[in-house]
Amino acid sequence: MQSLEGLVCPKCHEPLTTIEAGRELRCVRDGSRYPLVDGIPSFLMTGGDAVTLAGCALSLVIPALNEAANLERILPVLARALSALGPTNEIIVVDGGSTDGTQEVVRKHDARLVSQKLPGFGSAYRAGFEQARGEYILTLDADGSHDPAFLGDLWAARLQGDVVIASRYVPGGAADMPAWRRLLSRVLNITFRRGLSLPVHDLSSGFRLYHRTVLRAV
């Protein structure tokens, strides 16, 4: 077996070694295996998307449309929270055609600006995912409704699953919305959770952490 310098497991960041006569990589920590395709690790085969960089552990993806004022407030807070958290990171703002100076605010705070080509919230996320270079990708709203104080909790939970969702409906969670909307959201989440047999308390939460291999499979 041979350890590959600079190449780490996309799940736990531990070193990888070659096995099976150089046809596969194996994580030294949990034994996860990754085939080599023409000498390239399978988790780097992104079909044209941004390649995972060993130097970027976490990408934040923030869809925005005319959110200049909110971004002016939250981007510095996010930068400080990420610096305290520790992993190498990048902040990506996906702009849906803003006319309020959103682009200038993003550049001012040294975040990456991605232009959304197709309309819709889903298209904004897809554009951000395609440009994200981190092994993990975290999504949050531009209006400040997702508290950066919980970034550490999401990051710490990454080894427990490939998708981590910050729920408003668990102890410690909160939702800044009118009571009737909170009740409606709560009822719909319970209905879908039980109907689909999903172990998720908040299906509509946009505050999520993904391992990039999950998004590539969608």
Protein backbone atom coordinates (compact mmCIF):
# COMPACT_ATOMS: atom_id res chain seq x y z
CA MET A 1 0.00 0.00 0.00
CA GLN A 2 1.12 3.54 -0.74
CA SER A 3 -0.10 6.72 0.95
CA LEU A 4 -0.95 9.56 -1.44
CA GLU A 5 0.37 12.91 -0.28
CA GLY A 6 -2.22 15.71 -0.30
CA LEU A 7 -5.18 13.47 -1.14
CA VAL A 8 -7.66 12.88 1.66
CA CYS A 9 -10.89 10.98 2.21
CA PRO A 10 -13.87 13.21 1.23
CA LYS A 11 -15.82 12.00 4.27
CA CYS A 12 -13.39 12.28 7.18
CA HIS A 13 -10.31 14.05 5.71
CA GLU A 14 -7.99 11.18 6.71
CA PRO A 15 -5.22 10.01 4.31
CA LEU A 16 -5.92 7.58 1.48
CA THR A 17 -3.78 4.62 0.42
CA THR A 18 -3.73 2.69 -2.85
CA ILE A 19 -4.93 -0.93 -2.91
CA GLU A 20 -5.88 -3.55 -5.51
CA ALA A 21 -2.71 -2.95 -7.54
CA GLY A 22 -3.40 0.76 -7.72
CA ARG A 23 -7.00 0.43 -8.95
CA GLU A 24 -8.64 1.69 -5.76
CA LEU A 25 -8.07 4.07 -2.87
CA ARG A 26 -8.89 3.19 0.73
CA CYS A 27 -9.38 5.48 3.72
CA VAL A 28 -6.97 4.64 6.54
CA ARG A 29 -9.63 5.52 9.10
CA ASP A 30 -12.86 3.72 8.16
CA GLY A 31 -11.87 1.63 5.14
CA SER A 32 -14.06 3.48 2.63
CA ARG A 33 -13.05 2.60 -0.93
CA TYR A 34 -12.92 4.80 -4.02
CA PRO A 35 -12.14 3.40 -7.48
CA LEU A 36 -9.60 5.08 -9.72
CA VAL A 37 -10.86 5.97 -13.20
CA ASP A 38 -7.96 6.54 -15.59
CA GLY A 39 -5.88 7.34 -12.54
CA ILE A 40 -8.39 9.88 -11.18
CA PRO A 41 -10.26 9.21 -7.88
CA SER A 42 -13.98 8.67 -8.46
CA PHE A 43 -14.95 11.42 -6.00
CA LEU A 44 -13.15 13.95 -8.18
CA MET A 45 -15.11 12.95 -11.28
CA THR A 46 -17.68 15.74 -11.29
CA GLY A 47 -18.99 15.66 -14.84
CA GLY A 48 -17.91 19.23 -15.57
CA ASP A 49 -18.61 20.64 -12.12
CA ALA A 50 -15.96 22.30 -9.97
CA VAL A 51 -13.36 19.82 -8.75
CA THR A 52 -13.07 19.16 -5.04
CA LEU A 53 -9.97 20.83 -3.68
CA ALA A 54 -8.04 19.35 -0.78
CA GLY A 55 -7.52 22.91 0.43
CA CYS A 56 -11.24 23.74 0.60
CA ALA A 57 -13.24 21.79 3.14
CA LEU A 58 -16.47 23.81 3.22
CA SER A 59 -18.41 25.86 0.67
CA LEU A 60 -21.29 28.10 1.74
CA VAL A 61 -23.91 28.65 -0.98
CA ILE A 62 -26.26 31.61 -0.56
CA PRO A 63 -28.95 32.38 -3.19
CA ALA A 64 -29.69 36.11 -3.35
CA LEU A 65 -32.00 38.49 -5.19
CA ASN A 66 -31.79 42.15 -4.16
CA GLU A 67 -30.29 41.29 -0.78
CA ALA A 68 -27.57 43.96 -0.67
CA ALA A 69 -28.55 45.29 2.76
CA ASN A 70 -28.81 41.85 4.32
CA LEU A 71 -25.57 40.62 2.76
CA GLU A 72 -23.75 43.72 3.99
CA ARG A 73 -24.76 42.62 7.46
CA ILE A 74 -24.35 38.84 7.35
CA LEU A 75 -21.25 38.31 5.19
CA PRO A 76 -18.83 39.71 7.81
CA VAL A 77 -20.60 37.67 10.51
CA LEU A 78 -20.30 34.50 8.44
CA ALA A 79 -16.63 35.18 7.72
CA ARG A 80 -15.88 35.54 11.43
CA ALA A 81 -17.88 32.42 12.30
CA LEU A 82 -16.06 30.38 9.66
CA SER A 83 -12.69 31.66 10.82
CA ALA A 84 -13.48 30.59 14.37
CA LEU A 85 -14.81 27.23 13.18
CA GLY A 86 -11.54 26.33 11.51
CA PRO A 87 -12.06 24.48 8.19
CA THR A 88 -10.77 26.04 5.00
CA ASN A 89 -13.76 27.56 3.27
CA GLU A 90 -15.32 29.75 0.62
CA ILE A 91 -18.54 31.77 0.53
CA ILE A 92 -20.50 31.69 -2.74
CA VAL A 93 -23.37 34.09 -3.40
CA VAL A 94 -25.59 33.13 -6.33
CA ASP A 95 -27.12 36.30 -7.75
CA GLY A 96 -30.46 36.04 -9.51
CA GLY A 97 -30.20 39.35 -11.35
CA SER A 98 -30.20 41.86 -8.50
CA THR A 99 -30.53 45.58 -9.21
CA ASP A 100 -29.74 46.92 -5.72
CA GLY A 101 -25.96 46.56 -5.69
CA THR A 102 -25.86 43.00 -4.39
CA GLN A 103 -22.93 42.20 -6.70
CA GLU A 104 -20.83 45.07 -5.32
CA VAL A 105 -21.48 43.98 -1.73
CA VAL A 106 -20.38 40.42 -2.53
CA ARG A 107 -17.14 41.63 -4.11
CA LYS A 108 -16.51 44.05 -1.25
CA HIS A 109 -16.52 41.18 1.24
CA ASP A 110 -14.35 38.89 -0.93
CA ALA A 111 -17.07 36.30 -1.47
CA ARG A 112 -17.39 34.45 -4.78
CA LEU A 113 -20.11 35.78 -7.07
CA VAL A 114 -21.98 33.34 -9.31
CA SER A 115 -24.60 34.54 -11.78
CA GLN A 116 -27.80 32.51 -11.96
CA LYS A 117 -28.74 31.68 -15.55
CA LEU A 118 -32.19 30.11 -15.07
CA PRO A 119 -35.04 31.37 -12.86
CA GLY A 120 -36.11 29.70 -9.65
CA PHE A 121 -34.72 28.87 -6.23
CA GLY A 122 -33.69 25.38 -7.30
CA SER A 123 -31.73 26.75 -10.24
CA ALA A 124 -29.90 29.11 -7.91
CA TYR A 125 -28.82 26.24 -5.69
CA ARG A 126 -27.75 24.17 -8.67
CA ALA A 127 -25.62 27.01 -10.01
CA GLY A 128 -23.94 27.32 -6.63
CA PHE A 129 -23.41 23.58 -6.25
CA GLU A 130 -21.76 23.38 -9.67
CA GLN A 131 -19.23 26.04 -8.69
CA ALA A 132 -18.64 24.90 -5.10
CA ARG A 133 -15.16 23.48 -4.51
CA GLY A 134 -15.54 22.25 -0.94
CA GLU A 135 -15.91 18.65 0.16
CA TYR A 136 -18.93 19.79 2.15
CA ILE A 137 -21.52 22.30 0.96
CA LEU A 138 -23.69 24.33 3.32
CA THR A 139 -26.77 26.25 2.20
CA LEU A 140 -28.40 29.16 3.97
CA ASP A 141 -30.66 32.11 3.21
CA ALA A 142 -29.41 35.61 2.46
CA ASP A 143 -31.91 37.35 4.73
CA GLY A 144 -30.15 36.39 7.95
CA SER A 145 -32.86 34.00 9.12
CA HIS A 146 -30.27 31.25 9.63
CA ASP A 147 -28.11 31.95 12.68
CA PRO A 148 -24.35 31.56 12.00
CA ALA A 149 -23.99 30.51 15.64
CA PHE A 150 -25.24 27.07 14.58
CA LEU A 151 -22.57 26.53 11.93
CA GLY A 152 -20.44 24.67 14.45
CA ASP A 153 -23.27 22.27 15.30
CA LEU A 154 -23.86 21.46 11.63
CA TRP A 155 -20.15 20.98 10.99
CA ALA A 156 -19.73 18.73 14.03
CA ALA A 157 -22.61 16.52 12.87
CA ARG A 158 -21.15 15.90 9.40
CA LEU A 159 -19.66 12.50 10.30
CA GLN A 160 -23.07 11.22 11.40
CA GLY A 161 -24.57 11.40 7.91
CA ASP A 162 -24.15 12.78 4.41
CA VAL A 163 -26.95 15.35 4.94
CA VAL A 164 -27.40 17.43 8.09
CA ILE A 165 -30.54 19.60 8.45
CA ALA A 166 -30.94 22.37 11.02
CA SER A 167 -34.54 21.98 12.22
CA ARG A 168 -36.75 24.69 13.67
CA TYR A 169 -38.81 22.04 15.42
CA VAL A 170 -36.36 20.38 17.79
CA PRO A 171 -35.25 21.56 21.25
CA GLY A 172 -33.24 24.75 20.77
CA GLY A 173 -34.74 25.46 17.35
CA ALA A 174 -36.68 28.63 16.54
CA ALA A 175 -38.64 30.12 13.66
CA ASP A 176 -39.00 33.87 13.12
CA MET A 177 -42.44 33.83 11.52
CA PRO A 178 -46.08 34.58 12.42
CA ALA A 179 -47.75 31.98 14.64
CA TRP A 180 -50.14 30.86 11.89
CA ARG A 181 -47.28 30.21 9.46
CA ARG A 182 -45.31 28.34 12.08
CA LEU A 183 -48.35 26.16 12.84
CA LEU A 184 -49.00 25.49 9.15
CA SER A 185 -45.35 24.65 8.52
CA ARG A 186 -45.27 22.37 11.54
CA VAL A 187 -48.40 20.47 10.45
CA LEU A 188 -47.16 20.05 6.87
CA ASN A 189 -43.75 18.82 8.04
CA ILE A 190 -45.33 16.25 10.35
CA THR A 191 -47.68 15.10 7.57
CA PHE A 192 -44.91 14.63 5.00
CA ARG A 193 -42.53 13.09 7.52
CA ARG A 194 -45.03 10.43 8.49
CA GLY A 195 -46.37 9.92 4.97
CA LEU A 196 -42.91 9.45 3.49
CA SER A 197 -41.44 7.70 6.56
CA LEU A 198 -38.54 10.14 6.67
CA PRO A 199 -36.55 10.69 9.90
CA VAL A 200 -36.50 14.45 9.28
CA HIS A 201 -38.18 17.06 11.47
CA ASP A 202 -37.96 20.01 9.07
CA LEU A 203 -38.22 19.15 5.38
CA SER A 204 -38.52 22.80 4.33
CA SER A 205 -35.42 24.06 6.13
CA GLY A 206 -32.86 25.64 3.81
CA PHE A 207 -30.13 25.52 6.47
CA ARG A 208 -28.38 22.30 5.45
CA LEU A 209 -24.97 20.69 5.16
CA TYR A 210 -24.31 18.19 2.36
CA HIS A 211 -21.40 15.98 1.48
CA ARG A 212 -20.75 16.83 -2.17
CA THR A 213 -21.08 13.20 -3.31
CA VAL A 214 -24.77 13.30 -2.32
CA LEU A 215 -25.45 16.32 -4.52
CA ARG A 216 -23.60 14.76 -7.44
CA ALA A 217 -25.90 11.74 -7.25
CA VAL A 218 -29.10 13.84 -7.46
